[in-house]
Amino acid sequence: PVAILAQASPWFSSPAHRCAMGKGTKKVGICGKYGTRYGATLRKLVKKIEMQSKATYLCPFCGRTGVKREAGGIWKCRGCKKVMAGGCWTLATPAAVTVRATIHRLKKLQAEAK
């Protein structure tokens, strides 16, 4: 098809116009779909949240980077097929990380006391 278009149109045959796809976005990334709507500050907040929710996380069971968000607070590993509860936008919320570290520290202190 490209050869046919190149023969039919000299505009298409020039090297500057061979790339049919655009370059995407430079700054806005995943929020390019919103265009100029809603304001820059809100788009930046949404960008942070959407990037966290679309990312893949490390599975605490199998160690593979394959945990994806299924729904709000429900996460599933593509490796071991385990379904786990987590934060709405991230697998582990900052509060959950703090609680886990505190429990681990207290268990360690209790084991040393025995």
C-alpha atoms as a PDB file:
ATOM      1  CA  PRO A   1       0.000   0.000   0.000  1.00  0.00           C
ATOM      2  CA  VAL A   2       2.859   2.422   0.741  1.00  0.00           C
ATOM      3  CA  ALA A   3       4.402   1.884  -2.698  1.00  0.00           C
ATOM      4  CA  ILE A   4       1.057   2.566  -4.362  1.00  0.00           C
ATOM      5  CA  LEU A   5       0.595   5.786  -2.376  1.00  0.00           C
ATOM      6  CA  ALA A   6       4.169   6.851  -3.117  1.00  0.00           C
ATOM      7  CA  GLN A   7       3.560   6.448  -6.844  1.00  0.00           C
ATOM      8  CA  ALA A   8       0.247   8.301  -6.681  1.00  0.00           C
ATOM      9  CA  SER A   9       1.388  11.237  -4.577  1.00  0.00           C
ATOM     10  CA  PRO A  10       4.795  12.929  -4.469  1.00  0.00           C
ATOM     11  CA  TRP A  11       3.833  14.385  -1.066  1.00  0.00           C
ATOM     12  CA  PHE A  12       3.694  10.912   0.517  1.00  0.00           C
ATOM     13  CA  SER A  13       7.035   9.833  -0.939  1.00  0.00           C
ATOM     14  CA  SER A  14       9.046  12.553   0.828  1.00  0.00           C
ATOM     15  CA  PRO A  15      10.969  11.266   3.907  1.00  0.00           C
ATOM     16  CA  ALA A  16       9.383  13.843   6.219  1.00  0.00           C
ATOM     17  CA  HIS A  17       5.913  12.402   5.667  1.00  0.00           C
ATOM     18  CA  ARG A  18       6.655   8.664   5.789  1.00  0.00           C
ATOM     19  CA  CYS A  19       5.932   8.370   9.523  1.00  0.00           C
ATOM     20  CA  ALA A  20       2.169   8.082   9.787  1.00  0.00           C
ATOM     21  CA  MET A  21       1.960   8.007  13.603  1.00  0.00           C
ATOM     22  CA  GLY A  22       2.265  11.041  15.840  1.00  0.00           C
ATOM     23  CA  LYS A  23       4.891  11.464  18.522  1.00  0.00           C
ATOM     24  CA  GLY A  24       2.387  11.328  21.383  1.00  0.00           C
ATOM     25  CA  THR A  25       2.693  13.755  24.275  1.00  0.00           C
ATOM     26  CA  LYS A  26       5.746  15.383  25.773  1.00  0.00           C
ATOM     27  CA  LYS A  27       4.554  16.324  29.272  1.00  0.00           C
ATOM     28  CA  VAL A  28       0.999  15.217  29.934  1.00  0.00           C
ATOM     29  CA  GLY A  29       1.438  11.489  29.268  1.00  0.00           C
ATOM     30  CA  ILE A  30      -1.607   9.418  30.206  1.00  0.00           C
ATOM     31  CA  CYS A  31      -3.700  12.588  30.729  1.00  0.00           C
ATOM     32  CA  GLY A  32      -3.415  13.676  27.116  1.00  0.00           C
ATOM     33  CA  LYS A  33      -6.906  12.279  26.608  1.00  0.00           C
ATOM     34  CA  TYR A  34      -8.343  15.156  28.659  1.00  0.00           C
ATOM     35  CA  GLY A  35      -6.920  17.845  26.362  1.00  0.00           C
ATOM     36  CA  THR A  36      -7.114  21.352  27.815  1.00  0.00           C
ATOM     37  CA  ARG A  37     -10.099  20.562  30.032  1.00  0.00           C
ATOM     38  CA  TYR A  38     -10.337  20.508  33.846  1.00  0.00           C
ATOM     39  CA  GLY A  39      -7.258  22.604  34.661  1.00  0.00           C
ATOM     40  CA  ALA A  40      -3.562  21.745  34.933  1.00  0.00           C
ATOM     41  CA  THR A  41      -3.531  21.000  38.676  1.00  0.00           C
ATOM     42  CA  LEU A  42      -6.371  18.486  38.487  1.00  0.00           C
ATOM     43  CA  ARG A  43      -4.828  16.833  35.438  1.00  0.00           C
ATOM     44  CA  LYS A  44      -1.519  16.437  37.317  1.00  0.00           C
ATOM     45  CA  LEU A  45      -3.306  14.778  40.246  1.00  0.00           C
ATOM     46  CA  VAL A  46      -5.201  12.469  37.901  1.00  0.00           C
ATOM     47  CA  LYS A  47      -1.948  11.646  36.070  1.00  0.00           C
ATOM     48  CA  LYS A  48      -0.316  10.527  39.326  1.00  0.00           C
ATOM     49  CA  ILE A  49      -3.303   8.402  40.317  1.00  0.00           C
ATOM     50  CA  GLU A  50      -3.762   6.840  36.868  1.00  0.00           C
ATOM     51  CA  MET A  51      -0.070   5.983  36.552  1.00  0.00           C
ATOM     52  CA  GLN A  52      -0.164   4.264  39.955  1.00  0.00           C
ATOM     53  CA  SER A  53      -3.306   2.313  39.138  1.00  0.00           C
ATOM     54  CA  LYS A  54      -2.113   1.175  35.687  1.00  0.00           C
ATOM     55  CA  ALA A  55       1.354   0.104  36.902  1.00  0.00           C
ATOM     56  CA  THR A  56       2.362  -3.496  37.590  1.00  0.00           C
ATOM     57  CA  TYR A  57       3.588  -4.299  41.102  1.00  0.00           C
ATOM     58  CA  LEU A  58       5.792  -6.978  42.651  1.00  0.00           C
ATOM     59  CA  CYS A  59       3.810  -9.975  43.906  1.00  0.00           C
ATOM     60  CA  PRO A  60       4.473 -10.703  47.621  1.00  0.00           C
ATOM     61  CA  PHE A  61       3.727 -14.412  47.043  1.00  0.00           C
ATOM     62  CA  CYS A  62       5.652 -15.415  43.902  1.00  0.00           C
ATOM     63  CA  GLY A  63       8.029 -12.444  43.485  1.00  0.00           C
ATOM     64  CA  ARG A  64       7.026 -11.750  39.895  1.00  0.00           C
ATOM     65  CA  THR A  65       6.246  -8.236  38.691  1.00  0.00           C
ATOM     66  CA  GLY A  66       2.768  -9.040  37.511  1.00  0.00           C
ATOM     67  CA  VAL A  67       0.220  -7.672  39.971  1.00  0.00           C
ATOM     68  CA  LYS A  68      -2.392  -5.610  38.151  1.00  0.00           C
ATOM     69  CA  ARG A  69      -5.465  -3.769  39.392  1.00  0.00           C
ATOM     70  CA  GLU A  70      -8.715  -5.631  38.738  1.00  0.00           C
ATOM     71  CA  ALA A  71     -11.075  -3.157  40.432  1.00  0.00           C
ATOM     72  CA  GLY A  72     -10.928  -0.607  43.255  1.00  0.00           C
ATOM     73  CA  GLY A  73      -8.835  -2.273  45.971  1.00  0.00           C
ATOM     74  CA  ILE A  74      -8.691  -5.683  44.237  1.00  0.00           C
ATOM     75  CA  TRP A  75      -5.344  -6.775  42.788  1.00  0.00           C
ATOM     76  CA  LYS A  76      -4.479  -9.973  40.886  1.00  0.00           C
ATOM     77  CA  CYS A  77      -1.114 -11.525  40.092  1.00  0.00           C
ATOM     78  CA  ARG A  78      -0.743 -12.734  36.513  1.00  0.00           C
ATOM     79  CA  GLY A  79       1.949 -15.211  37.601  1.00  0.00           C
ATOM     80  CA  CYS A  80       0.443 -17.159  40.495  1.00  0.00           C
ATOM     81  CA  LYS A  81      -3.192 -16.071  39.908  1.00  0.00           C
ATOM     82  CA  LYS A  82      -3.576 -14.940  43.531  1.00  0.00           C
ATOM     83  CA  VAL A  83      -6.145 -12.239  44.225  1.00  0.00           C
ATOM     84  CA  MET A  84      -5.391  -9.845  47.061  1.00  0.00           C
ATOM     85  CA  ALA A  85      -6.851  -6.764  48.691  1.00  0.00           C
ATOM     86  CA  GLY A  86      -4.863  -3.551  48.674  1.00  0.00           C
ATOM     87  CA  GLY A  87      -5.290   0.146  48.279  1.00  0.00           C
ATOM     88  CA  CYS A  88      -7.629   1.626  45.721  1.00  0.00           C
ATOM     89  CA  TRP A  89      -4.904   3.111  43.506  1.00  0.00           C
ATOM     90  CA  THR A  90      -1.751   1.312  44.734  1.00  0.00           C
ATOM     91  CA  LEU A  91      -1.164  -2.228  45.938  1.00  0.00           C
ATOM     92  CA  ALA A  92       0.119  -1.097  49.332  1.00  0.00           C
ATOM     93  CA  THR A  93      -0.995   2.172  50.908  1.00  0.00           C
ATOM     94  CA  PRO A  94       1.472   4.170  53.042  1.00  0.00           C
ATOM     95  CA  ALA A  95      -0.599   3.405  56.144  1.00  0.00           C
ATOM     96  CA  ALA A  96      -0.513  -0.335  55.401  1.00  0.00           C
ATOM     97  CA  VAL A  97       3.271  -0.242  54.943  1.00  0.00           C
ATOM     98  CA  THR A  98       3.660   1.485  58.322  1.00  0.00           C
ATOM     99  CA  VAL A  99       1.402  -1.049  60.058  1.00  0.00           C
ATOM    100  CA  ARG A 100       3.244  -3.989  58.475  1.00  0.00           C
ATOM    101  CA  ALA A 101       6.628  -2.593  59.561  1.00  0.00           C
ATOM    102  CA  THR A 102       5.361  -1.974  63.118  1.00  0.00           C
ATOM    103  CA  ILE A 103       3.954  -5.492  63.432  1.00  0.00           C
ATOM    104  CA  HIS A 104       7.211  -6.962  62.115  1.00  0.00           C
ATOM    105  CA  ARG A 105       9.247  -4.887  64.591  1.00  0.00           C
ATOM    106  CA  LEU A 106       7.023  -5.884  67.537  1.00  0.00           C
ATOM    107  CA  LYS A 107       7.199  -9.583  66.597  1.00  0.00           C
ATOM    108  CA  LYS A 108      10.983  -9.330  66.424  1.00  0.00           C
ATOM    109  CA  LEU A 109      11.129  -7.700  69.882  1.00  0.00           C
ATOM    110  CA  GLN A 110       8.813 -10.371  71.297  1.00  0.00           C
ATOM    111  CA  ALA A 111      10.972 -13.160  69.846  1.00  0.00           C
ATOM    112  CA  GLU A 112      14.130 -11.614  71.346  1.00  0.00           C
ATOM    113  CA  ALA A 113      12.474 -11.346  74.766  1.00  0.00           C
ATOM    114  CA  LYS A 114      11.827 -15.109  74.894  1.00  0.00           C
END
